[in-house]
Amino acid sequence: KSRTTMKLLHWERRGYVMYYKHLEQGRFHPRISKRR
């Protein structure tokens, strides 16, 4: 909700991969969080 964290979920071979990104400064663009 604060647009400072982003997680990506992806299936790769025999299991899930989760990537996590936390911004120390700034926010992700609002357009990213409003996608349907």
PDB file of all heavy atoms in Angstrom:
ATOM      1  N   LYS A   1       0.815  -1.219   0.000  1.00  0.00           N
ATOM      2  CA  LYS A   1       0.000   0.000   0.000  1.00  0.00           C
ATOM      3  C   LYS A   1       0.847   1.267   0.000  1.00  0.00           C
ATOM      4  O   LYS A   1       0.493   2.261  -0.611  1.00  0.00           O
ATOM      5  CB  LYS A   1      -0.925   0.013   1.213  1.00  0.00           C
ATOM      6  CG  LYS A   1      -2.055  -0.970   1.125  1.00  0.00           C
ATOM      7  CD  LYS A   1      -2.941  -0.884   2.353  1.00  0.00           C
ATOM      8  CE  LYS A   1      -4.017  -1.949   2.295  1.00  0.00           C
ATOM      9  NZ  LYS A   1      -4.877  -1.889   3.486  1.00  0.00           N
ATOM     10  N   SER A   2       1.960   1.243   0.688  1.00  0.00           N
ATOM     11  CA  SER A   2       2.826   2.428   0.755  1.00  0.00           C
ATOM     12  C   SER A   2       3.665   2.599  -0.510  1.00  0.00           C
ATOM     13  O   SER A   2       4.338   3.607  -0.666  1.00  0.00           O
ATOM     14  CB  SER A   2       3.753   2.327   1.961  1.00  0.00           C
ATOM     15  OG  SER A   2       4.653   1.242   1.784  1.00  0.00           O
ATOM     16  N   ARG A   3       3.633   1.598  -1.396  1.00  0.00           N
ATOM     17  CA  ARG A   3       4.405   1.583  -2.650  1.00  0.00           C
ATOM     18  C   ARG A   3       5.914   1.644  -2.415  1.00  0.00           C
ATOM     19  O   ARG A   3       6.660   2.071  -3.269  1.00  0.00           O
ATOM     20  CB  ARG A   3       3.948   2.699  -3.596  1.00  0.00           C
ATOM     21  CG  ARG A   3       2.517   2.560  -4.058  1.00  0.00           C
ATOM     22  CD  ARG A   3       2.119   3.512  -5.178  1.00  0.00           C
ATOM     23  NE  ARG A   3       2.943   4.665  -5.386  1.00  0.00           N
ATOM     24  CZ  ARG A   3       2.649   5.902  -4.995  1.00  0.00           C
ATOM     25  NH1 ARG A   3       1.535   6.150  -4.365  1.00  0.00           N
ATOM     26  NH2 ARG A   3       3.467   6.900  -5.263  1.00  0.00           N
ATOM     27  N   THR A   4       6.370   1.187  -1.256  1.00  0.00           N
ATOM     28  CA  THR A   4       7.811   1.123  -1.011  1.00  0.00           C
ATOM     29  C   THR A   4       8.331  -0.312  -1.095  1.00  0.00           C
ATOM     30  O   THR A   4       9.530  -0.530  -1.057  1.00  0.00           O
ATOM     31  CB  THR A   4       8.172   1.702   0.373  1.00  0.00           C
ATOM     32  OG1 THR A   4       7.489   0.958   1.382  1.00  0.00           O
ATOM     33  CG2 THR A   4       7.828   3.172   0.450  1.00  0.00           C
ATOM     34  N   THR A   5       7.416  -1.279  -1.182  1.00  0.00           N
ATOM     35  CA  THR A   5       7.829  -2.677  -1.318  1.00  0.00           C
ATOM     36  C   THR A   5       7.147  -3.319  -2.520  1.00  0.00           C
ATOM     37  O   THR A   5       6.016  -2.980  -2.857  1.00  0.00           O
ATOM     38  CB  THR A   5       7.481  -3.503  -0.063  1.00  0.00           C
ATOM     39  OG1 THR A   5       6.082  -3.447   0.161  1.00  0.00           O
ATOM     40  CG2 THR A   5       8.230  -3.014   1.152  1.00  0.00           C
ATOM     41  N   MET A   6       7.875  -4.215  -3.141  1.00  0.00           N
ATOM     42  CA  MET A   6       7.348  -4.952  -4.280  1.00  0.00           C
ATOM     43  C   MET A   6       7.816  -6.400  -4.163  1.00  0.00           C
ATOM     44  O   MET A   6       8.973  -6.661  -3.827  1.00  0.00           O
ATOM     45  CB  MET A   6       7.851  -4.369  -5.599  1.00  0.00           C
ATOM     46  CG  MET A   6       7.359  -5.116  -6.823  1.00  0.00           C
ATOM     47  SD  MET A   6       8.099  -4.548  -8.364  1.00  0.00           S
ATOM     48  CE  MET A   6       7.351  -2.942  -8.503  1.00  0.00           C
ATOM     49  N   LYS A   7       6.892  -7.342  -4.425  1.00  0.00           N
ATOM     50  CA  LYS A   7       7.231  -8.756  -4.456  1.00  0.00           C
ATOM     51  C   LYS A   7       6.829  -9.312  -5.810  1.00  0.00           C
ATOM     52  O   LYS A   7       5.780  -8.969  -6.343  1.00  0.00           O
ATOM     53  CB  LYS A   7       6.491  -9.520  -3.361  1.00  0.00           C
ATOM     54  CG  LYS A   7       6.904  -9.126  -1.968  1.00  0.00           C
ATOM     55  CD  LYS A   7       6.111  -9.905  -0.948  1.00  0.00           C
ATOM     56  CE  LYS A   7       6.462  -9.466   0.447  1.00  0.00           C
ATOM     57  NZ  LYS A   7       5.656 -10.182   1.457  1.00  0.00           N
ATOM     58  N   LEU A   8       7.668 -10.168  -6.344  1.00  0.00           N
ATOM     59  CA  LEU A   8       7.382 -10.854  -7.598  1.00  0.00           C
ATOM     60  C   LEU A   8       7.306 -12.343  -7.307  1.00  0.00           C
ATOM     61  O   LEU A   8       8.151 -12.892  -6.602  1.00  0.00           O
ATOM     62  CB  LEU A   8       8.485 -10.606  -8.629  1.00  0.00           C
ATOM     63  CG  LEU A   8       8.824  -9.160  -8.953  1.00  0.00           C
ATOM     64  CD1 LEU A   8       9.971  -9.110  -9.950  1.00  0.00           C
ATOM     65  CD2 LEU A   8       7.627  -8.421  -9.483  1.00  0.00           C
ATOM     66  N   LEU A   9       6.295 -12.998  -7.849  1.00  0.00           N
ATOM     67  CA  LEU A   9       6.131 -14.434  -7.684  1.00  0.00           C
ATOM     68  C   LEU A   9       6.252 -15.095  -9.049  1.00  0.00           C
ATOM     69  O   LEU A   9       5.625 -14.656 -10.014  1.00  0.00           O
ATOM     70  CB  LEU A   9       4.751 -14.745  -7.081  1.00  0.00           C
ATOM     71  CG  LEU A   9       4.416 -16.221  -6.900  1.00  0.00           C
ATOM     72  CD1 LEU A   9       5.294 -16.834  -5.803  1.00  0.00           C
ATOM     73  CD2 LEU A   9       2.943 -16.395  -6.569  1.00  0.00           C
ATOM     74  N   HIS A  10       7.055 -16.149  -9.101  1.00  0.00           N
ATOM     75  CA  HIS A  10       7.313 -16.826 -10.379  1.00  0.00           C
ATOM     76  C   HIS A  10       7.566 -18.303 -10.114  1.00  0.00           C
ATOM     77  O   HIS A  10       8.258 -18.668  -9.170  1.00  0.00           O
ATOM     78  CB  HIS A  10       8.539 -16.181 -11.036  1.00  0.00           C
ATOM     79  CG  HIS A  10       8.971 -16.833 -12.301  1.00  0.00           C
ATOM     80  ND1 HIS A  10       8.208 -16.837 -13.444  1.00  0.00           N
ATOM     81  CD2 HIS A  10      10.098 -17.500 -12.603  1.00  0.00           C
ATOM     82  CE1 HIS A  10       8.862 -17.484 -14.399  1.00  0.00           C
ATOM     83  NE2 HIS A  10      10.001 -17.905 -13.904  1.00  0.00           N
ATOM     84  N   TRP A  11       6.995 -19.155 -10.972  1.00  0.00           N
ATOM     85  CA  TRP A  11       7.254 -20.598 -10.901  1.00  0.00           C
ATOM     86  C   TRP A  11       8.456 -20.903 -11.767  1.00  0.00           C
ATOM     87  O   TRP A  11       8.518 -20.517 -12.927  1.00  0.00           O
ATOM     88  CB  TRP A  11       6.053 -21.389 -11.399  1.00  0.00           C
ATOM     89  CG  TRP A  11       6.313 -22.867 -11.460  1.00  0.00           C
ATOM     90  CD1 TRP A  11       6.676 -23.586 -12.556  1.00  0.00           C
ATOM     91  CD2 TRP A  11       6.238 -23.781 -10.380  1.00  0.00           C
ATOM     92  NE1 TRP A  11       6.828 -24.908 -12.229  1.00  0.00           N
ATOM     93  CE2 TRP A  11       6.576 -25.051 -10.882  1.00  0.00           C
ATOM     94  CE3 TRP A  11       5.945 -23.663  -9.027  1.00  0.00           C
ATOM     95  CZ2 TRP A  11       6.594 -26.189 -10.078  1.00  0.00           C
ATOM     96  CZ3 TRP A  11       5.968 -24.796  -8.237  1.00  0.00           C
ATOM     97  CH2 TRP A  11       6.287 -26.042  -8.765  1.00  0.00           C
ATOM     98  N   GLU A  12       9.422 -21.606 -11.203  1.00  0.00           N
ATOM     99  CA  GLU A  12      10.648 -21.924 -11.933  1.00  0.00           C
ATOM    100  C   GLU A  12      11.026 -23.375 -11.661  1.00  0.00           C
ATOM    101  O   GLU A  12      11.313 -23.739 -10.525  1.00  0.00           O
ATOM    102  CB  GLU A  12      11.756 -20.995 -11.457  1.00  0.00           C
ATOM    103  CG  GLU A  12      12.939 -20.930 -12.373  1.00  0.00           C
ATOM    104  CD  GLU A  12      13.893 -19.848 -11.925  1.00  0.00           C
ATOM    105  OE1 GLU A  12      13.672 -18.685 -12.291  1.00  0.00           O
ATOM    106  OE2 GLU A  12      14.849 -20.179 -11.186  1.00  0.00           O
ATOM    107  N   ARG A  13      10.994 -24.175 -12.676  1.00  0.00           N
ATOM    108  CA  ARG A  13      11.303 -25.609 -12.600  1.00  0.00           C
ATOM    109  C   ARG A  13      10.431 -26.321 -11.598  1.00  0.00           C
ATOM    110  O   ARG A  13       9.287 -26.587 -11.854  1.00  0.00           O
ATOM    111  CB  ARG A  13      12.774 -25.837 -12.358  1.00  0.00           C
ATOM    112  CG  ARG A  13      13.605 -25.341 -13.508  1.00  0.00           C
ATOM    113  CD  ARG A  13      15.033 -25.702 -13.360  1.00  0.00           C
ATOM    114  NE  ARG A  13      15.777 -25.013 -14.417  1.00  0.00           N
ATOM    115  CZ  ARG A  13      17.053 -24.950 -14.472  1.00  0.00           C
ATOM    116  NH1 ARG A  13      17.783 -25.531 -13.548  1.00  0.00           N
ATOM    117  NH2 ARG A  13      17.644 -24.317 -15.448  1.00  0.00           N
ATOM    118  N   ARG A  14      10.923 -26.608 -10.403  1.00  0.00           N
ATOM    119  CA  ARG A  14      10.146 -27.403  -9.448  1.00  0.00           C
ATOM    120  C   ARG A  14       9.728 -26.612  -8.208  1.00  0.00           C
ATOM    121  O   ARG A  14       9.437 -27.202  -7.167  1.00  0.00           O
ATOM    122  CB  ARG A  14      10.948 -28.618  -9.028  1.00  0.00           C
ATOM    123  CG  ARG A  14      11.129 -29.594 -10.175  1.00  0.00           C
ATOM    124  CD  ARG A  14      11.847 -30.814  -9.699  1.00  0.00           C
ATOM    125  NE  ARG A  14      13.203 -30.503  -9.280  1.00  0.00           N
ATOM    126  CZ  ARG A  14      14.289 -31.002  -9.824  1.00  0.00           C
ATOM    127  NH1 ARG A  14      14.188 -31.859 -10.798  1.00  0.00           N
ATOM    128  NH2 ARG A  14      15.470 -30.658  -9.385  1.00  0.00           N
ATOM    129  N   GLY A  15       9.687 -25.301  -8.296  1.00  0.00           N
ATOM    130  CA  GLY A  15       9.285 -24.532  -7.122  1.00  0.00           C
ATOM    131  C   GLY A  15       9.093 -23.063  -7.426  1.00  0.00           C
ATOM    132  O   GLY A  15       9.431 -22.578  -8.506  1.00  0.00           O
ATOM    133  N   TYR A  16       8.548 -22.348  -6.459  1.00  0.00           N
ATOM    134  CA  TYR A  16       8.297 -20.919  -6.609  1.00  0.00           C
ATOM    135  C   TYR A  16       9.534 -20.112  -6.239  1.00  0.00           C
ATOM    136  O   TYR A  16      10.308 -20.501  -5.359  1.00  0.00           O
ATOM    137  CB  TYR A  16       7.145 -20.475  -5.706  1.00  0.00           C
ATOM    138  CG  TYR A  16       5.815 -20.988  -6.170  1.00  0.00           C
ATOM    139  CD1 TYR A  16       5.212 -22.072  -5.562  1.00  0.00           C
ATOM    140  CD2 TYR A  16       5.160 -20.391  -7.238  1.00  0.00           C
ATOM    141  CE1 TYR A  16       3.996 -22.552  -5.997  1.00  0.00           C
ATOM    142  CE2 TYR A  16       3.944 -20.863  -7.691  1.00  0.00           C
ATOM    143  CZ  TYR A  16       3.372 -21.936  -7.060  1.00  0.00           C
ATOM    144  OH  TYR A  16       2.169 -22.408  -7.504  1.00  0.00           O
ATOM    145  N   VAL A  17       9.682 -18.995  -6.920  1.00  0.00           N
ATOM    146  CA  VAL A  17      10.721 -18.022  -6.603  1.00  0.00           C
ATOM    147  C   VAL A  17      10.005 -16.736  -6.235  1.00  0.00           C
ATOM    148  O   VAL A  17       9.086 -16.309  -6.945  1.00  0.00           O
ATOM    149  CB  VAL A  17      11.661 -17.774  -7.809  1.00  0.00           C
ATOM    150  CG1 VAL A  17      12.697 -16.731  -7.470  1.00  0.00           C
ATOM    151  CG2 VAL A  17      12.310 -19.062  -8.251  1.00  0.00           C
ATOM    152  N   MET A  18      10.400 -16.123  -5.120  1.00  0.00           N
ATOM    153  CA  MET A  18       9.830 -14.853  -4.719  1.00  0.00           C
ATOM    154  C   MET A  18      10.961 -13.833  -4.624  1.00  0.00           C
ATOM    155  O   MET A  18      11.961 -14.065  -3.942  1.00  0.00           O
ATOM    156  CB  MET A  18       9.137 -14.950  -3.358  1.00  0.00           C
ATOM    157  CG  MET A  18       8.511 -13.640  -2.928  1.00  0.00           C
ATOM    158  SD  MET A  18       7.605 -13.744  -1.377  1.00  0.00           S
ATOM    159  CE  MET A  18       8.934 -13.841  -0.204  1.00  0.00           C
ATOM    160  N   TYR A  19      10.805 -12.745  -5.339  1.00  0.00           N
ATOM    161  CA  TYR A  19      11.762 -11.647  -5.279  1.00  0.00           C
ATOM    162  C   TYR A  19      11.134 -10.536  -4.452  1.00  0.00           C
ATOM    163  O   TYR A  19       9.935 -10.261  -4.581  1.00  0.00           O
ATOM    164  CB  TYR A  19      12.076 -11.117  -6.681  1.00  0.00           C
ATOM    165  CG  TYR A  19      12.691 -12.143  -7.589  1.00  0.00           C
ATOM    166  CD1 TYR A  19      11.899 -12.890  -8.449  1.00  0.00           C
ATOM    167  CD2 TYR A  19      14.061 -12.371  -7.588  1.00  0.00           C
ATOM    168  CE1 TYR A  19      12.460 -13.843  -9.285  1.00  0.00           C
ATOM    169  CE2 TYR A  19      14.627 -13.316  -8.421  1.00  0.00           C
ATOM    170  CZ  TYR A  19      13.812 -14.054  -9.259  1.00  0.00           C
ATOM    171  OH  TYR A  19      14.366 -14.992 -10.086  1.00  0.00           O
ATOM    172  N   TYR A  20      11.936  -9.904  -3.616  1.00  0.00           N
ATOM    173  CA  TYR A  20      11.439  -8.851  -2.739  1.00  0.00           C
ATOM    174  C   TYR A  20      12.321  -7.616  -2.896  1.00  0.00           C
ATOM    175  O   TYR A  20      13.544  -7.722  -2.854  1.00  0.00           O
ATOM    176  CB  TYR A  20      11.490  -9.341  -1.287  1.00  0.00           C
ATOM    177  CG  TYR A  20      11.048  -8.333  -0.267  1.00  0.00           C
ATOM    178  CD1 TYR A  20       9.704  -8.191   0.027  1.00  0.00           C
ATOM    179  CD2 TYR A  20      11.960  -7.541   0.410  1.00  0.00           C
ATOM    180  CE1 TYR A  20       9.274  -7.274   0.976  1.00  0.00           C
ATOM    181  CE2 TYR A  20      11.551  -6.622   1.349  1.00  0.00           C
ATOM    182  CZ  TYR A  20      10.199  -6.493   1.640  1.00  0.00           C
ATOM    183  OH  TYR A  20       9.795  -5.589   2.573  1.00  0.00           O
ATOM    184  N   LYS A  21      11.690  -6.482  -3.093  1.00  0.00           N
ATOM    185  CA  LYS A  21      12.426  -5.226  -3.236  1.00  0.00           C
ATOM    186  C   LYS A  21      11.822  -4.201  -2.285  1.00  0.00           C
ATOM    187  O   LYS A  21      10.604  -3.987  -2.287  1.00  0.00           O
ATOM    188  CB  LYS A  21      12.330  -4.718  -4.681  1.00  0.00           C
ATOM    189  CG  LYS A  21      12.941  -3.364  -4.942  1.00  0.00           C
ATOM    190  CD  LYS A  21      14.445  -3.429  -4.946  1.00  0.00           C
ATOM    191  CE  LYS A  21      15.023  -2.094  -5.368  1.00  0.00           C
ATOM    192  NZ  LYS A  21      16.440  -2.156  -5.574  1.00  0.00           N
ATOM    193  N   HIS A  22      12.662  -3.584  -1.460  1.00  0.00           N
ATOM    194  CA  HIS A  22      12.224  -2.520  -0.557  1.00  0.00           C
ATOM    195  C   HIS A  22      13.017  -1.261  -0.880  1.00  0.00           C
ATOM    196  O   HIS A  22      14.249  -1.289  -0.889  1.00  0.00           O
ATOM    197  CB  HIS A  22      12.460  -2.909   0.903  1.00  0.00           C
ATOM    198  CG  HIS A  22      12.173  -1.800   1.858  1.00  0.00           C
ATOM    199  ND1 HIS A  22      10.887  -1.451   2.207  1.00  0.00           N
ATOM    200  CD2 HIS A  22      12.987  -0.955   2.500  1.00  0.00           C
ATOM    201  CE1 HIS A  22      10.940  -0.426   3.040  1.00  0.00           C
ATOM    202  NE2 HIS A  22      12.210  -0.116   3.234  1.00  0.00           N
ATOM    203  N   LEU A  23      12.316  -0.190  -1.168  1.00  0.00           N
ATOM    204  CA  LEU A  23      12.978   1.075  -1.477  1.00  0.00           C
ATOM    205  C   LEU A  23      13.314   1.811  -0.189  1.00  0.00           C
ATOM    206  O   LEU A  23      12.443   2.012   0.660  1.00  0.00           O
ATOM    207  CB  LEU A  23      12.079   1.955  -2.351  1.00  0.00           C
ATOM    208  CG  LEU A  23      11.711   1.406  -3.729  1.00  0.00           C
ATOM    209  CD1 LEU A  23      10.777   2.385  -4.433  1.00  0.00           C
ATOM    210  CD2 LEU A  23      12.958   1.154  -4.558  1.00  0.00           C
ATOM    211  N   GLU A  24      14.553   2.202  -0.040  1.00  0.00           N
ATOM    212  CA  GLU A  24      14.962   2.999   1.120  1.00  0.00           C
ATOM    213  C   GLU A  24      14.457   4.427   0.988  1.00  0.00           C
ATOM    214  O   GLU A  24      14.155   5.080   1.970  1.00  0.00           O
ATOM    215  CB  GLU A  24      16.490   2.997   1.253  1.00  0.00           C
ATOM    216  CG  GLU A  24      17.052   1.641   1.602  1.00  0.00           C
ATOM    217  CD  GLU A  24      16.679   1.188   3.002  1.00  0.00           C
ATOM    218  OE1 GLU A  24      16.571   2.045   3.900  1.00  0.00           O
ATOM    219  OE2 GLU A  24      16.462  -0.025   3.175  1.00  0.00           O
ATOM    220  N   GLN A  25      14.391   4.927  -0.244  1.00  0.00           N
ATOM    221  CA  GLN A  25      13.887   6.271  -0.517  1.00  0.00           C
ATOM    222  C   GLN A  25      12.939   6.201  -1.704  1.00  0.00           C
ATOM    223  O   GLN A  25      13.125   5.391  -2.602  1.00  0.00           O
ATOM    224  CB  GLN A  25      15.030   7.225  -0.866  1.00  0.00           C
ATOM    225  CG  GLN A  25      15.995   7.450   0.266  1.00  0.00           C
ATOM    226  CD  GLN A  25      17.107   8.407  -0.151  1.00  0.00           C
ATOM    227  OE1 GLN A  25      17.169   8.865  -1.282  1.00  0.00           O
ATOM    228  NE2 GLN A  25      17.987   8.687   0.778  1.00  0.00           N
ATOM    229  N   GLY A  26      11.948   7.077  -1.707  1.00  0.00           N
ATOM    230  CA  GLY A  26      11.019   7.136  -2.832  1.00  0.00           C
ATOM    231  C   GLY A  26       9.993   6.025  -2.797  1.00  0.00           C
ATOM    232  O   GLY A  26       9.906   5.251  -1.844  1.00  0.00           O
ATOM    233  N   ARG A  27       9.216   5.981  -3.860  1.00  0.00           N
ATOM    234  CA  ARG A  27       8.130   4.999  -3.983  1.00  0.00           C
ATOM    235  C   ARG A  27       8.074   4.495  -5.423  1.00  0.00           C
ATOM    236  O   ARG A  27       8.520   5.179  -6.332  1.00  0.00           O
ATOM    237  CB  ARG A  27       6.786   5.650  -3.648  1.00  0.00           C
ATOM    238  CG  ARG A  27       6.677   6.166  -2.251  1.00  0.00           C
ATOM    239  CD  ARG A  27       5.339   6.877  -2.057  1.00  0.00           C
ATOM    240  NE  ARG A  27       5.298   7.563  -0.791  1.00  0.00           N
ATOM    241  CZ  ARG A  27       4.882   7.013   0.342  1.00  0.00           C
ATOM    242  NH1 ARG A  27       4.475   5.767   0.352  1.00  0.00           N
ATOM    243  NH2 ARG A  27       4.871   7.702   1.456  1.00  0.00           N
ATOM    244  N   PHE A  28       7.492   3.327  -5.574  1.00  0.00           N
ATOM    245  CA  PHE A  28       7.241   2.834  -6.921  1.00  0.00           C
ATOM    246  C   PHE A  28       6.170   3.709  -7.559  1.00  0.00           C
ATOM    247  O   PHE A  28       5.295   4.246  -6.870  1.00  0.00           O
ATOM    248  CB  PHE A  28       6.779   1.376  -6.898  1.00  0.00           C
ATOM    249  CG  PHE A  28       7.871   0.418  -6.481  1.00  0.00           C
ATOM    250  CD1 PHE A  28       7.850  -0.183  -5.239  1.00  0.00           C
ATOM    251  CD2 PHE A  28       8.917   0.134  -7.335  1.00  0.00           C
ATOM    252  CE1 PHE A  28       8.847  -1.059  -4.846  1.00  0.00           C
ATOM    253  CE2 PHE A  28       9.925  -0.736  -6.964  1.00  0.00           C
ATOM    254  CZ  PHE A  28       9.887  -1.321  -5.715  1.00  0.00           C
ATOM    255  N   HIS A  29       6.211   3.835  -8.848  1.00  0.00           N
ATOM    256  CA  HIS A  29       5.257   4.672  -9.577  1.00  0.00           C
ATOM    257  C   HIS A  29       3.831   4.189  -9.298  1.00  0.00           C
ATOM    258  O   HIS A  29       3.583   2.981  -9.290  1.00  0.00           O
ATOM    259  CB  HIS A  29       5.555   4.603 -11.078  1.00  0.00           C
ATOM    260  CG  HIS A  29       4.868   5.646 -11.874  1.00  0.00           C
ATOM    261  ND1 HIS A  29       3.542   5.541 -12.230  1.00  0.00           N
ATOM    262  CD2 HIS A  29       5.309   6.829 -12.357  1.00  0.00           C
ATOM    263  CE1 HIS A  29       3.198   6.615 -12.920  1.00  0.00           C
ATOM    264  NE2 HIS A  29       4.249   7.414 -13.012  1.00  0.00           N
ATOM    265  N   PRO A  30       2.878   5.106  -9.086  1.00  0.00           N
ATOM    266  CA  PRO A  30       1.501   4.694  -8.786  1.00  0.00           C
ATOM    267  C   PRO A  30       0.871   3.814  -9.859  1.00  0.00           C
ATOM    268  O   PRO A  30       0.022   2.986  -9.563  1.00  0.00           O
ATOM    269  CB  PRO A  30       0.726   6.009  -8.690  1.00  0.00           C
ATOM    270  CG  PRO A  30       1.724   7.082  -8.614  1.00  0.00           C
ATOM    271  CD  PRO A  30       3.034   6.540  -9.100  1.00  0.00           C
ATOM    272  N   ARG A  31       1.289   3.969 -11.078  1.00  0.00           N
ATOM    273  CA  ARG A  31       0.716   3.184 -12.170  1.00  0.00           C
ATOM    274  C   ARG A  31       0.933   1.680 -11.957  1.00  0.00           C
ATOM    275  O   ARG A  31       0.102   0.860 -12.333  1.00  0.00           O
ATOM    276  CB  ARG A  31       1.332   3.633 -13.484  1.00  0.00           C
ATOM    277  CG  ARG A  31       0.647   3.099 -14.673  1.00  0.00           C
ATOM    278  CD  ARG A  31       1.188   3.766 -15.900  1.00  0.00           C
ATOM    279  NE  ARG A  31       0.489   3.298 -17.067  1.00  0.00           N
ATOM    280  CZ  ARG A  31       0.834   3.595 -18.277  1.00  0.00           C
ATOM    281  NH1 ARG A  31       1.874   4.374 -18.491  1.00  0.00           N
ATOM    282  NH2 ARG A  31       0.156   3.128 -19.284  1.00  0.00           N
ATOM    283  N   ILE A  32       2.038   1.314 -11.338  1.00  0.00           N
ATOM    284  CA  ILE A  32       2.318  -0.099 -11.078  1.00  0.00           C
ATOM    285  C   ILE A  32       1.271  -0.686 -10.146  1.00  0.00           C
ATOM    286  O   ILE A  32       0.762  -1.771 -10.370  1.00  0.00           O
ATOM    287  CB  ILE A  32       3.726  -0.282 -10.473  1.00  0.00           C
ATOM    288  CG1 ILE A  32       4.780   0.032 -11.514  1.00  0.00           C
ATOM    289  CG2 ILE A  32       3.909  -1.690  -9.926  1.00  0.00           C
ATOM    290  CD1 ILE A  32       6.187   0.035 -10.978  1.00  0.00           C
ATOM    291  N   SER A  33       0.914   0.025  -9.091  1.00  0.00           N
ATOM    292  CA  SER A  33       0.000  -0.525  -8.094  1.00  0.00           C
ATOM    293  C   SER A  33      -1.457  -0.438  -8.517  1.00  0.00           C
ATOM    294  O   SER A  33      -2.318  -1.007  -7.864  1.00  0.00           O
ATOM    295  CB  SER A  33       0.192   0.189  -6.756  1.00  0.00           C
ATOM    296  OG  SER A  33      -0.087   1.557  -6.880  1.00  0.00           O
ATOM    297  N   LYS A  34      -1.769   0.238  -9.595  1.00  0.00           N
ATOM    298  CA  LYS A  34      -3.156   0.381 -10.022  1.00  0.00           C
ATOM    299  C   LYS A  34      -3.521  -0.546 -11.177  1.00  0.00           C
ATOM    300  O   LYS A  34      -4.630  -0.518 -11.661  1.00  0.00           O
ATOM    301  CB  LYS A  34      -3.442   1.826 -10.404  1.00  0.00           C
ATOM    302  CG  LYS A  34      -3.332   2.765  -9.232  1.00  0.00           C
ATOM    303  CD  LYS A  34      -3.975   4.068  -9.533  1.00  0.00           C
ATOM    304  CE  LYS A  34      -3.726   5.047  -8.427  1.00  0.00           C
ATOM    305  NZ  LYS A  34      -4.599   4.911  -7.300  1.00  0.00           N
ATOM    306  N   ARG A  35      -2.597  -1.361 -11.610  1.00  0.00           N
ATOM    307  CA  ARG A  35      -2.903  -2.293 -12.696  1.00  0.00           C
ATOM    308  C   ARG A  35      -3.924  -3.306 -12.241  1.00  0.00           C
ATOM    309  O   ARG A  35      -3.959  -3.703 -11.090  1.00  0.00           O
ATOM    310  CB  ARG A  35      -1.643  -3.018 -13.139  1.00  0.00           C
ATOM    311  CG  ARG A  35      -0.657  -2.085 -13.751  1.00  0.00           C
ATOM    312  CD  ARG A  35      -0.138  -2.697 -14.966  1.00  0.00           C
ATOM    313  NE  ARG A  35       0.683  -1.708 -15.622  1.00  0.00           N
ATOM    314  CZ  ARG A  35       1.107  -1.832 -16.821  1.00  0.00           C
ATOM    315  NH1 ARG A  35       0.797  -2.886 -17.499  1.00  0.00           N
ATOM    316  NH2 ARG A  35       1.831  -0.904 -17.374  1.00  0.00           N
ATOM    317  N   ARG A  36      -4.717  -3.767 -13.157  1.00  0.00           N
ATOM    318  CA  ARG A  36      -5.741  -4.771 -12.872  1.00  0.00           C
ATOM    319  C   ARG A  36      -5.268  -6.127 -13.376  1.00  0.00           C
ATOM    320  O   ARG A  36      -4.475  -6.223 -14.302  1.00  0.00           O
ATOM    321  CB  ARG A  36      -7.053  -4.414 -13.569  1.00  0.00           C
ATOM    322  CG  ARG A  36      -7.607  -3.098 -13.139  1.00  0.00           C
ATOM    323  CD  ARG A  36      -8.212  -3.213 -11.767  1.00  0.00           C
ATOM    324  NE  ARG A  36      -8.786  -1.959 -11.383  1.00  0.00           N
ATOM    325  CZ  ARG A  36      -8.657  -1.443 -10.186  1.00  0.00           C
ATOM    326  NH1 ARG A  36      -7.963  -2.043  -9.285  1.00  0.00           N
ATOM    327  NH2 ARG A  36      -9.227  -0.303  -9.878  1.00  0.00           N
TER     328      ARG A  36
END
